[in-house]
Amino acid sequence: MGFGETKSSSGYGKPPWIFKGSALYQLHLVKAETARRFMPKKFRLVEAFGYTLGGFFLANYDDSPAGVFDELVVIAGIVWNPPTSCAWAARVLVNSEEACHHGRKDVGLPSQVARFSKRITPVPRQTKGKFGGFLNMIGMGTTIHHSKDCMEVQVAEVVGHASADICSIKLITDVPTPRFNKWMGPSITMSLPSFSGQTEYNPNLLKYSCRIACRVRAVRPARVSGPSPLKRDRDSDLETTDFTSDEPVDNGRNLSISVLLSKPILALEFNCFEMQVEAPIILSNDSTSSLRAA
């Protein structure tokens, strides 16, 4: 068959690995030339008019083999895997040493340890009835105050004893938390296949699948900003930079930021989230030849 199974680390136990919590899956239009910088040349990118579908997956796990932790997966784009397609992760940021080690060794992911700082601020909103203005003047107003929360998640990659800011993600969420399941959207199950590997920690080309069961609903796309206000203008230019030249320095972090700063088109909120990750399989040269011919 040309496939082989990878061995899992003892800390995570035997697969499948189960993760529970909540997540935001946001799709962006990513320039094809940017996405290609992350993936093997043998892959054929799914693209149209010079763009592919990338984005990010921001998750908070309250139950996992590594315990409670946060994860930000930067998705470079989609590649063909006839008769469907697979995602390719540009960078994976986690605030767990164990999760980082597992991602690197067992799943072949470009995982990095990071710090996640969260801040929640209320965002008041007013909705007035038809005669709200007049009734308010006479003390009989029917103005309804709805409240939302703005959660800002700042992510900084840990580099030795220092850290490098990656991004700030601002999400608008309803308050209070919806009481009924209908507000969380329908229950769905789906499979998200992905390629990985060919990193310094795992040189093999791998394929793995994430089976997800959750309640899903479309939400307002999160607003993503660059590392800092002083660098924001410079980071905004990353999406228009010519990435076809050969840089002498690894620009993986900057390229990942450019993916995060690309144009969002859809955001999906996952609640009552459970993800089952199967052990990756090693792809042979014969199996990858079909990807080039697709």
C-alpha atoms as a PDB file:
ATOM      1  CA  MET A   1       0.000   0.000   0.000  1.00  0.00           C
ATOM      2  CA  GLY A   2       2.991   2.334   0.418  1.00  0.00           C
ATOM      3  CA  PHE A   3       1.877   3.543   3.838  1.00  0.00           C
ATOM      4  CA  GLY A   4       3.280   3.081   7.326  1.00  0.00           C
ATOM      5  CA  GLU A   5       2.091   4.060  10.784  1.00  0.00           C
ATOM      6  CA  THR A   6       4.024   6.460  12.983  1.00  0.00           C
ATOM      7  CA  LYS A   7       4.794   5.713  16.616  1.00  0.00           C
ATOM      8  CA  SER A   8       3.263   7.897  19.297  1.00  0.00           C
ATOM      9  CA  SER A   9       5.036   9.273  22.339  1.00  0.00           C
ATOM     10  CA  SER A  10       4.256   7.590  25.650  1.00  0.00           C
ATOM     11  CA  GLY A  11       3.074  10.837  27.256  1.00  0.00           C
ATOM     12  CA  TYR A  12       0.011  11.081  25.032  1.00  0.00           C
ATOM     13  CA  GLY A  13      -0.831   7.394  25.194  1.00  0.00           C
ATOM     14  CA  LYS A  14      -2.210   5.419  22.299  1.00  0.00           C
ATOM     15  CA  PRO A  15      -4.263   7.109  19.558  1.00  0.00           C
ATOM     16  CA  PRO A  16      -6.829   8.265  18.839  1.00  0.00           C
ATOM     17  CA  TRP A  17      -6.162  11.375  20.898  1.00  0.00           C
ATOM     18  CA  ILE A  18      -9.272  13.188  22.174  1.00  0.00           C
ATOM     19  CA  PHE A  19      -9.501  16.973  22.644  1.00  0.00           C
ATOM     20  CA  LYS A  20     -12.538  18.775  24.103  1.00  0.00           C
ATOM     21  CA  GLY A  21     -13.314  22.467  24.407  1.00  0.00           C
ATOM     22  CA  SER A  22     -14.273  25.306  22.057  1.00  0.00           C
ATOM     23  CA  ALA A  23     -12.758  26.811  18.936  1.00  0.00           C
ATOM     24  CA  LEU A  24     -12.943  29.422  16.205  1.00  0.00           C
ATOM     25  CA  TYR A  25     -12.224  28.334  12.633  1.00  0.00           C
ATOM     26  CA  GLN A  26     -11.644  31.353  10.379  1.00  0.00           C
ATOM     27  CA  LEU A  27     -11.072  31.109   6.628  1.00  0.00           C
ATOM     28  CA  HIS A  28      -8.968  33.700   4.789  1.00  0.00           C
ATOM     29  CA  LEU A  29      -8.038  34.404   1.212  1.00  0.00           C
ATOM     30  CA  VAL A  30      -4.287  33.755   1.160  1.00  0.00           C
ATOM     31  CA  LYS A  31      -2.049  34.571  -1.769  1.00  0.00           C
ATOM     32  CA  ALA A  32      -1.001  31.375  -3.525  1.00  0.00           C
ATOM     33  CA  GLU A  33       2.618  32.493  -3.703  1.00  0.00           C
ATOM     34  CA  THR A  34       2.639  32.921   0.075  1.00  0.00           C
ATOM     35  CA  ALA A  35       1.054  29.526   0.736  1.00  0.00           C
ATOM     36  CA  ARG A  36       3.516  27.711  -1.527  1.00  0.00           C
ATOM     37  CA  ARG A  37       6.423  28.856   0.634  1.00  0.00           C
ATOM     38  CA  PHE A  38       5.275  26.510   3.413  1.00  0.00           C
ATOM     39  CA  MET A  39       4.598  23.271   1.556  1.00  0.00           C
ATOM     40  CA  PRO A  40       6.577  20.727  -0.484  1.00  0.00           C
ATOM     41  CA  LYS A  41       6.945  21.562  -4.160  1.00  0.00           C
ATOM     42  CA  LYS A  42       5.426  18.207  -5.099  1.00  0.00           C
ATOM     43  CA  PHE A  43       2.013  19.387  -3.896  1.00  0.00           C
ATOM     44  CA  ARG A  44      -0.488  21.087  -6.165  1.00  0.00           C
ATOM     45  CA  LEU A  45      -2.214  24.004  -4.485  1.00  0.00           C
ATOM     46  CA  VAL A  46      -5.993  24.429  -4.685  1.00  0.00           C
ATOM     47  CA  GLU A  47      -6.220  27.980  -6.008  1.00  0.00           C
ATOM     48  CA  ALA A  48      -8.268  30.396  -8.076  1.00  0.00           C
ATOM     49  CA  PHE A  49      -7.249  33.820  -9.357  1.00  0.00           C
ATOM     50  CA  GLY A  50      -3.981  33.626  -7.431  1.00  0.00           C
ATOM     51  CA  TYR A  51      -5.518  32.808  -4.024  1.00  0.00           C
ATOM     52  CA  THR A  52      -6.099  29.748  -1.875  1.00  0.00           C
ATOM     53  CA  LEU A  53      -8.119  29.122   1.285  1.00  0.00           C
ATOM     54  CA  GLY A  54      -6.101  29.437   4.467  1.00  0.00           C
ATOM     55  CA  GLY A  55      -6.701  31.124   7.794  1.00  0.00           C
ATOM     56  CA  PHE A  56      -6.446  29.922  11.368  1.00  0.00           C
ATOM     57  CA  PHE A  57      -7.900  27.599  13.979  1.00  0.00           C
ATOM     58  CA  LEU A  58      -7.964  29.058  17.506  1.00  0.00           C
ATOM     59  CA  ALA A  59      -8.871  26.528  20.185  1.00  0.00           C
ATOM     60  CA  ASN A  60      -9.131  26.364  23.953  1.00  0.00           C
ATOM     61  CA  TYR A  61      -8.979  22.787  25.221  1.00  0.00           C
ATOM     62  CA  ASP A  62     -10.310  22.107  28.703  1.00  0.00           C
ATOM     63  CA  ASP A  63      -9.742  18.355  28.375  1.00  0.00           C
ATOM     64  CA  SER A  64      -6.931  16.741  26.389  1.00  0.00           C
ATOM     65  CA  PRO A  65      -4.007  14.309  26.761  1.00  0.00           C
ATOM     66  CA  ALA A  66      -1.885  17.353  27.661  1.00  0.00           C
ATOM     67  CA  GLY A  67      -4.472  18.839  30.008  1.00  0.00           C
ATOM     68  CA  VAL A  68      -5.793  22.384  29.602  1.00  0.00           C
ATOM     69  CA  PHE A  69      -4.076  24.466  26.922  1.00  0.00           C
ATOM     70  CA  ASP A  70      -4.589  26.918  24.060  1.00  0.00           C
ATOM     71  CA  GLU A  71      -3.693  26.395  20.418  1.00  0.00           C
ATOM     72  CA  LEU A  72      -3.409  28.606  17.357  1.00  0.00           C
ATOM     73  CA  VAL A  73      -2.984  26.762  14.051  1.00  0.00           C
ATOM     74  CA  VAL A  74      -2.042  29.006  11.125  1.00  0.00           C
ATOM     75  CA  ILE A  75      -3.329  27.341   7.953  1.00  0.00           C
ATOM     76  CA  ALA A  76      -1.285  28.216   4.866  1.00  0.00           C
ATOM     77  CA  GLY A  77      -3.674  26.766   2.308  1.00  0.00           C
ATOM     78  CA  ILE A  78      -5.315  23.741   0.732  1.00  0.00           C
ATOM     79  CA  VAL A  79      -3.602  21.167  -1.476  1.00  0.00           C
ATOM     80  CA  TRP A  80      -5.096  18.539  -3.755  1.00  0.00           C
ATOM     81  CA  ASN A  81      -5.564  15.010  -2.415  1.00  0.00           C
ATOM     82  CA  PRO A  82      -7.774  13.370  -5.062  1.00  0.00           C
ATOM     83  CA  PRO A  83     -10.698  13.113  -4.891  1.00  0.00           C
ATOM     84  CA  THR A  84     -10.697  15.736  -2.109  1.00  0.00           C
ATOM     85  CA  SER A  85      -8.154  18.119  -0.590  1.00  0.00           C
ATOM     86  CA  CYS A  86      -6.058  18.524   2.554  1.00  0.00           C
ATOM     87  CA  ALA A  87      -4.937  21.477   4.653  1.00  0.00           C
ATOM     88  CA  TRP A  88      -1.315  22.386   5.356  1.00  0.00           C
ATOM     89  CA  ALA A  89      -0.375  24.069   8.649  1.00  0.00           C
ATOM     90  CA  ALA A  90       2.157  26.879   8.400  1.00  0.00           C
ATOM     91  CA  ARG A  91       2.712  27.182  12.147  1.00  0.00           C
ATOM     92  CA  VAL A  92       1.205  25.752  15.326  1.00  0.00           C
ATOM     93  CA  LEU A  93       1.438  27.730  18.568  1.00  0.00           C
ATOM     94  CA  VAL A  94       0.598  26.123  21.922  1.00  0.00           C
ATOM     95  CA  ASN A  95       1.110  27.084  25.557  1.00  0.00           C
ATOM     96  CA  SER A  96       2.029  23.535  26.558  1.00  0.00           C
ATOM     97  CA  GLU A  97       5.497  21.990  26.343  1.00  0.00           C
ATOM     98  CA  GLU A  98       3.970  18.508  26.166  1.00  0.00           C
ATOM     99  CA  ALA A  99       1.576  19.448  23.358  1.00  0.00           C
ATOM    100  CA  CYS A 100       4.437  21.095  21.446  1.00  0.00           C
ATOM    101  CA  HIS A 101       6.619  17.984  21.739  1.00  0.00           C
ATOM    102  CA  HIS A 102       3.758  15.733  20.641  1.00  0.00           C
ATOM    103  CA  GLY A 103       2.940  17.928  17.660  1.00  0.00           C
ATOM    104  CA  ARG A 104       6.548  17.984  16.489  1.00  0.00           C
ATOM    105  CA  LYS A 105       7.478  14.340  17.027  1.00  0.00           C
ATOM    106  CA  ASP A 106       4.242  12.427  16.497  1.00  0.00           C
ATOM    107  CA  VAL A 107       2.232  14.537  14.055  1.00  0.00           C
ATOM    108  CA  GLY A 108       5.020  16.293  12.150  1.00  0.00           C
ATOM    109  CA  LEU A 109       3.635  19.759  12.862  1.00  0.00           C
ATOM    110  CA  PRO A 110       5.670  22.998  12.928  1.00  0.00           C
ATOM    111  CA  SER A 111       4.796  23.458  16.596  1.00  0.00           C
ATOM    112  CA  GLN A 112       6.192  26.223  18.787  1.00  0.00           C
ATOM    113  CA  VAL A 113       5.667  27.073  22.440  1.00  0.00           C
ATOM    114  CA  ALA A 114       3.839  30.371  22.903  1.00  0.00           C
ATOM    115  CA  ARG A 115       2.204  32.574  25.498  1.00  0.00           C
ATOM    116  CA  PHE A 116      -1.530  33.295  25.251  1.00  0.00           C
ATOM    117  CA  SER A 117      -2.748  36.409  27.067  1.00  0.00           C
ATOM    118  CA  LYS A 118      -6.501  36.992  27.232  1.00  0.00           C
ATOM    119  CA  ARG A 119      -8.443  40.109  28.111  1.00  0.00           C
ATOM    120  CA  ILE A 120     -12.230  40.509  28.122  1.00  0.00           C
ATOM    121  CA  THR A 121     -13.946  43.904  27.922  1.00  0.00           C
ATOM    122  CA  PRO A 122     -17.696  44.599  27.655  1.00  0.00           C
ATOM    123  CA  VAL A 123     -19.082  46.109  24.461  1.00  0.00           C
ATOM    124  CA  PRO A 124     -22.470  47.769  25.240  1.00  0.00           C
ATOM    125  CA  ARG A 125     -25.067  48.061  22.515  1.00  0.00           C
ATOM    126  CA  GLN A 126     -28.464  49.737  22.493  1.00  0.00           C
ATOM    127  CA  THR A 127     -31.588  48.829  20.560  1.00  0.00           C
ATOM    128  CA  LYS A 128     -34.433  51.339  20.647  1.00  0.00           C
ATOM    129  CA  GLY A 129     -38.105  50.656  20.111  1.00  0.00           C
ATOM    130  CA  LYS A 130     -40.181  52.583  17.587  1.00  0.00           C
ATOM    131  CA  PHE A 131     -41.055  55.338  20.056  1.00  0.00           C
ATOM    132  CA  GLY A 132     -37.981  54.872  22.242  1.00  0.00           C
ATOM    133  CA  GLY A 133     -36.712  58.452  21.940  1.00  0.00           C
ATOM    134  CA  PHE A 134     -39.980  60.108  23.051  1.00  0.00           C
ATOM    135  CA  LEU A 135     -40.712  57.602  25.825  1.00  0.00           C
ATOM    136  CA  ASN A 136     -37.206  57.990  27.205  1.00  0.00           C
ATOM    137  CA  MET A 137     -37.792  61.741  27.475  1.00  0.00           C
ATOM    138  CA  ILE A 138     -40.839  61.229  29.699  1.00  0.00           C
ATOM    139  CA  GLY A 139     -39.253  58.499  31.785  1.00  0.00           C
ATOM    140  CA  MET A 140     -41.099  55.582  30.188  1.00  0.00           C
ATOM    141  CA  GLY A 141     -38.417  54.455  27.763  1.00  0.00           C
ATOM    142  CA  THR A 142     -38.352  50.929  26.441  1.00  0.00           C
ATOM    143  CA  THR A 143     -34.737  50.996  25.339  1.00  0.00           C
ATOM    144  CA  ILE A 144     -33.240  47.508  25.538  1.00  0.00           C
ATOM    145  CA  HIS A 145     -29.592  47.178  26.393  1.00  0.00           C
ATOM    146  CA  HIS A 146     -27.821  44.174  24.884  1.00  0.00           C
ATOM    147  CA  SER A 147     -24.334  43.334  25.979  1.00  0.00           C
ATOM    148  CA  LYS A 148     -21.490  41.689  24.132  1.00  0.00           C
ATOM    149  CA  ASP A 149     -17.981  40.865  25.190  1.00  0.00           C
ATOM    150  CA  CYS A 150     -14.796  41.553  23.268  1.00  0.00           C
ATOM    151  CA  MET A 151     -12.129  38.947  23.960  1.00  0.00           C
ATOM    152  CA  GLU A 152      -8.626  39.893  22.914  1.00  0.00           C
ATOM    153  CA  VAL A 153      -6.152  37.032  22.626  1.00  0.00           C
ATOM    154  CA  GLN A 154      -2.505  38.058  22.313  1.00  0.00           C
ATOM    155  CA  VAL A 155      -0.116  35.370  21.134  1.00  0.00           C
ATOM    156  CA  ALA A 156       3.650  35.590  21.592  1.00  0.00           C
ATOM    157  CA  GLU A 157       6.032  32.869  20.447  1.00  0.00           C
ATOM    158  CA  VAL A 158       8.620  31.853  23.027  1.00  0.00           C
ATOM    159  CA  VAL A 159      12.143  31.979  21.616  1.00  0.00           C
ATOM    160  CA  GLY A 160      14.670  30.782  24.164  1.00  0.00           C
ATOM    161  CA  HIS A 161      14.443  33.122  27.149  1.00  0.00           C
ATOM    162  CA  ALA A 162      12.727  35.822  25.101  1.00  0.00           C
ATOM    163  CA  SER A 163       9.466  36.038  23.167  1.00  0.00           C
ATOM    164  CA  ALA A 164       8.319  37.351  19.802  1.00  0.00           C
ATOM    165  CA  ASP A 165       4.836  38.811  19.338  1.00  0.00           C
ATOM    166  CA  ILE A 166       2.803  37.040  16.668  1.00  0.00           C
ATOM    167  CA  CYS A 167      -0.622  38.640  16.659  1.00  0.00           C
ATOM    168  CA  SER A 168      -3.607  39.960  18.543  1.00  0.00           C
ATOM    169  CA  ILE A 169      -6.992  38.387  17.809  1.00  0.00           C
ATOM    170  CA  LYS A 170     -10.162  40.190  18.858  1.00  0.00           C
ATOM    171  CA  LEU A 171     -13.398  38.211  19.004  1.00  0.00           C
ATOM    172  CA  ILE A 172     -16.893  39.544  19.708  1.00  0.00           C
ATOM    173  CA  THR A 173     -19.014  37.085  21.703  1.00  0.00           C
ATOM    174  CA  ASP A 174     -22.567  37.189  23.028  1.00  0.00           C
ATOM    175  CA  VAL A 175     -23.229  37.747  26.725  1.00  0.00           C
ATOM    176  CA  PRO A 176     -24.710  35.962  28.518  1.00  0.00           C
ATOM    177  CA  THR A 177     -23.729  32.581  27.123  1.00  0.00           C
ATOM    178  CA  PRO A 178     -26.664  31.166  25.112  1.00  0.00           C
ATOM    179  CA  ARG A 179     -28.911  29.051  27.317  1.00  0.00           C
ATOM    180  CA  PHE A 180     -30.413  26.937  24.607  1.00  0.00           C
ATOM    181  CA  ASN A 181     -28.639  24.738  22.111  1.00  0.00           C
ATOM    182  CA  LYS A 182     -30.415  26.375  19.176  1.00  0.00           C
ATOM    183  CA  TRP A 183     -28.326  29.500  19.761  1.00  0.00           C
ATOM    184  CA  MET A 184     -25.181  27.442  19.319  1.00  0.00           C
ATOM    185  CA  GLY A 185     -26.164  26.212  15.899  1.00  0.00           C
ATOM    186  CA  PRO A 186     -26.785  22.685  14.614  1.00  0.00           C
ATOM    187  CA  SER A 187     -24.836  19.618  15.665  1.00  0.00           C
ATOM    188  CA  ILE A 188     -22.424  18.421  13.000  1.00  0.00           C
ATOM    189  CA  THR A 189     -19.704  15.855  12.518  1.00  0.00           C
ATOM    190  CA  MET A 190     -16.939  16.287   9.969  1.00  0.00           C
ATOM    191  CA  SER A 191     -13.457  15.142   9.077  1.00  0.00           C
ATOM    192  CA  LEU A 192     -10.578  17.531   8.394  1.00  0.00           C
ATOM    193  CA  PRO A 193      -7.726  15.708   6.627  1.00  0.00           C
ATOM    194  CA  SER A 194      -4.297  17.330   6.663  1.00  0.00           C
ATOM    195  CA  PHE A 195      -0.751  16.799   5.453  1.00  0.00           C
ATOM    196  CA  SER A 196       2.238  17.417   7.689  1.00  0.00           C
ATOM    197  CA  GLY A 197       5.859  16.487   8.224  1.00  0.00           C
ATOM    198  CA  GLN A 198       9.135  17.172   6.439  1.00  0.00           C
ATOM    199  CA  THR A 199      10.340  19.239   9.390  1.00  0.00           C
ATOM    200  CA  GLU A 200      13.559  19.116  11.375  1.00  0.00           C
ATOM    201  CA  TYR A 201      11.769  17.012  14.007  1.00  0.00           C
ATOM    202  CA  ASN A 202       9.972  14.640  11.635  1.00  0.00           C
ATOM    203  CA  PRO A 203      11.416  14.303   8.106  1.00  0.00           C
ATOM    204  CA  ASN A 204       8.626  12.005   6.878  1.00  0.00           C
ATOM    205  CA  LEU A 205       5.697  13.233   4.807  1.00  0.00           C
ATOM    206  CA  LEU A 206       2.567  12.453   6.827  1.00  0.00           C
ATOM    207  CA  LYS A 207      -1.188  12.488   6.500  1.00  0.00           C
ATOM    208  CA  TYR A 208      -3.589  12.544   9.430  1.00  0.00           C
ATOM    209  CA  SER A 209      -7.269  13.209  10.051  1.00  0.00           C
ATOM    210  CA  CYS A 210      -9.189  15.174  12.690  1.00  0.00           C
ATOM    211  CA  ARG A 211     -12.752  13.995  13.280  1.00  0.00           C
ATOM    212  CA  ILE A 212     -14.808  16.756  14.838  1.00  0.00           C
ATOM    213  CA  ALA A 213     -18.208  16.670  16.527  1.00  0.00           C
ATOM    214  CA  CYS A 214     -19.620  20.004  17.699  1.00  0.00           C
ATOM    215  CA  ARG A 215     -22.318  22.624  17.448  1.00  0.00           C
ATOM    216  CA  VAL A 216     -21.399  25.204  14.836  1.00  0.00           C
ATOM    217  CA  ARG A 217     -22.608  28.670  13.913  1.00  0.00           C
ATOM    218  CA  ALA A 218     -21.331  31.462  11.703  1.00  0.00           C
ATOM    219  CA  VAL A 219     -20.042  34.473  13.645  1.00  0.00           C
ATOM    220  CA  ARG A 220     -18.482  37.810  12.901  1.00  0.00           C
ATOM    221  CA  PRO A 221     -14.877  37.294  11.753  1.00  0.00           C
ATOM    222  CA  ALA A 222     -12.298  38.060  14.395  1.00  0.00           C
ATOM    223  CA  ARG A 223     -10.088  41.085  13.851  1.00  0.00           C
ATOM    224  CA  VAL A 224      -6.411  40.214  13.627  1.00  0.00           C
ATOM    225  CA  SER A 225      -3.635  42.761  14.060  1.00  0.00           C
ATOM    226  CA  GLY A 226       0.133  42.463  13.778  1.00  0.00           C
ATOM    227  CA  PRO A 227       2.730  42.104  16.529  1.00  0.00           C
ATOM    228  CA  SER A 228       2.564  45.703  17.815  1.00  0.00           C
ATOM    229  CA  PRO A 229       1.174  49.127  16.872  1.00  0.00           C
ATOM    230  CA  LEU A 230       4.642  50.265  15.815  1.00  0.00           C
ATOM    231  CA  LYS A 231       5.064  47.303  13.476  1.00  0.00           C
ATOM    232  CA  ARG A 232       1.496  47.120  12.206  1.00  0.00           C
ATOM    233  CA  ASP A 233       2.114  49.122   9.056  1.00  0.00           C
ATOM    234  CA  ARG A 234       5.154  47.059   8.206  1.00  0.00           C
ATOM    235  CA  ASP A 235       3.326  43.793   8.872  1.00  0.00           C
ATOM    236  CA  SER A 236       0.428  44.887   6.685  1.00  0.00           C
ATOM    237  CA  ASP A 237       2.862  45.041   3.776  1.00  0.00           C
ATOM    238  CA  LEU A 238       3.831  41.385   4.210  1.00  0.00           C
ATOM    239  CA  GLU A 239       0.886  40.249   2.111  1.00  0.00           C
ATOM    240  CA  THR A 240       2.161  42.307  -0.840  1.00  0.00           C
ATOM    241  CA  THR A 241       5.815  41.317  -0.464  1.00  0.00           C
ATOM    242  CA  ASP A 242       7.473  39.387  -3.270  1.00  0.00           C
ATOM    243  CA  PHE A 243       8.007  35.964  -1.680  1.00  0.00           C
ATOM    244  CA  THR A 244       9.424  34.364  -4.827  1.00  0.00           C
ATOM    245  CA  SER A 245      12.957  35.526  -4.062  1.00  0.00           C
ATOM    246  CA  ASP A 246      15.377  33.402  -2.045  1.00  0.00           C
ATOM    247  CA  GLU A 247      15.766  34.921   1.418  1.00  0.00           C
ATOM    248  CA  PRO A 248      18.968  34.084   3.285  1.00  0.00           C
ATOM    249  CA  VAL A 249      17.053  33.949   6.580  1.00  0.00           C
ATOM    250  CA  ASP A 250      14.112  31.721   7.562  1.00  0.00           C
ATOM    251  CA  ASN A 251      11.063  33.978   7.424  1.00  0.00           C
ATOM    252  CA  GLY A 252       8.554  31.359   8.578  1.00  0.00           C
ATOM    253  CA  ARG A 253       7.283  33.535  11.406  1.00  0.00           C
ATOM    254  CA  ASN A 254       6.776  36.608   9.209  1.00  0.00           C
ATOM    255  CA  LEU A 255       5.099  34.537   6.514  1.00  0.00           C
ATOM    256  CA  SER A 256       2.755  33.065   9.125  1.00  0.00           C
ATOM    257  CA  ILE A 257       1.854  36.568  10.265  1.00  0.00           C
ATOM    258  CA  SER A 258       1.068  37.508   6.655  1.00  0.00           C
ATOM    259  CA  VAL A 259      -1.408  34.600   6.515  1.00  0.00           C
ATOM    260  CA  LEU A 260      -3.084  35.827   9.705  1.00  0.00           C
ATOM    261  CA  LEU A 261      -3.322  39.364   8.291  1.00  0.00           C
ATOM    262  CA  SER A 262      -4.901  38.234   5.013  1.00  0.00           C
ATOM    263  CA  LYS A 263      -8.553  38.921   4.195  1.00  0.00           C
ATOM    264  CA  PRO A 264     -11.111  36.926   6.250  1.00  0.00           C
ATOM    265  CA  ILE A 265     -14.168  35.579   4.458  1.00  0.00           C
ATOM    266  CA  LEU A 266     -15.886  33.259   6.958  1.00  0.00           C
ATOM    267  CA  ALA A 267     -15.711  32.523  10.687  1.00  0.00           C
ATOM    268  CA  LEU A 268     -17.250  29.488  12.378  1.00  0.00           C
ATOM    269  CA  GLU A 269     -17.627  29.095  16.131  1.00  0.00           C
ATOM    270  CA  PHE A 270     -17.397  25.544  17.492  1.00  0.00           C
ATOM    271  CA  ASN A 271     -19.101  24.803  20.826  1.00  0.00           C
ATOM    272  CA  CYS A 272     -19.532  21.482  22.656  1.00  0.00           C
ATOM    273  CA  PHE A 273     -16.421  20.628  20.693  1.00  0.00           C
ATOM    274  CA  GLU A 274     -14.800  17.191  20.610  1.00  0.00           C
ATOM    275  CA  MET A 275     -11.942  16.363  18.248  1.00  0.00           C
ATOM    276  CA  GLN A 276     -10.520  12.910  17.679  1.00  0.00           C
ATOM    277  CA  VAL A 277      -7.078  12.813  16.076  1.00  0.00           C
ATOM    278  CA  GLU A 278      -5.921   9.580  14.484  1.00  0.00           C
ATOM    279  CA  ALA A 279      -2.283   8.530  14.316  1.00  0.00           C
ATOM    280  CA  PRO A 280      -0.629   9.903  11.160  1.00  0.00           C
ATOM    281  CA  ILE A 281       0.412   7.594   8.359  1.00  0.00           C
ATOM    282  CA  ILE A 282       3.660   7.915   6.443  1.00  0.00           C
ATOM    283  CA  LEU A 283       3.225   8.558   2.727  1.00  0.00           C
ATOM    284  CA  SER A 284       5.512   6.827   0.258  1.00  0.00           C
ATOM    285  CA  ASN A 285       6.937   8.361  -2.915  1.00  0.00           C
ATOM    286  CA  ASP A 286       4.408   6.385  -4.968  1.00  0.00           C
ATOM    287  CA  SER A 287       1.467   7.803  -3.061  1.00  0.00           C
ATOM    288  CA  THR A 288       2.647  11.395  -3.452  1.00  0.00           C
ATOM    289  CA  SER A 289       3.174  11.061  -7.198  1.00  0.00           C
ATOM    290  CA  SER A 290      -0.614  11.200  -7.662  1.00  0.00           C
ATOM    291  CA  LEU A 291      -0.642  14.625  -5.995  1.00  0.00           C
ATOM    292  CA  ARG A 292       1.579  16.051  -8.724  1.00  0.00           C
ATOM    293  CA  ALA A 293      -0.540  14.508 -11.457  1.00  0.00           C
ATOM    294  CA  ALA A 294      -3.863  15.710 -10.034  1.00  0.00           C
END
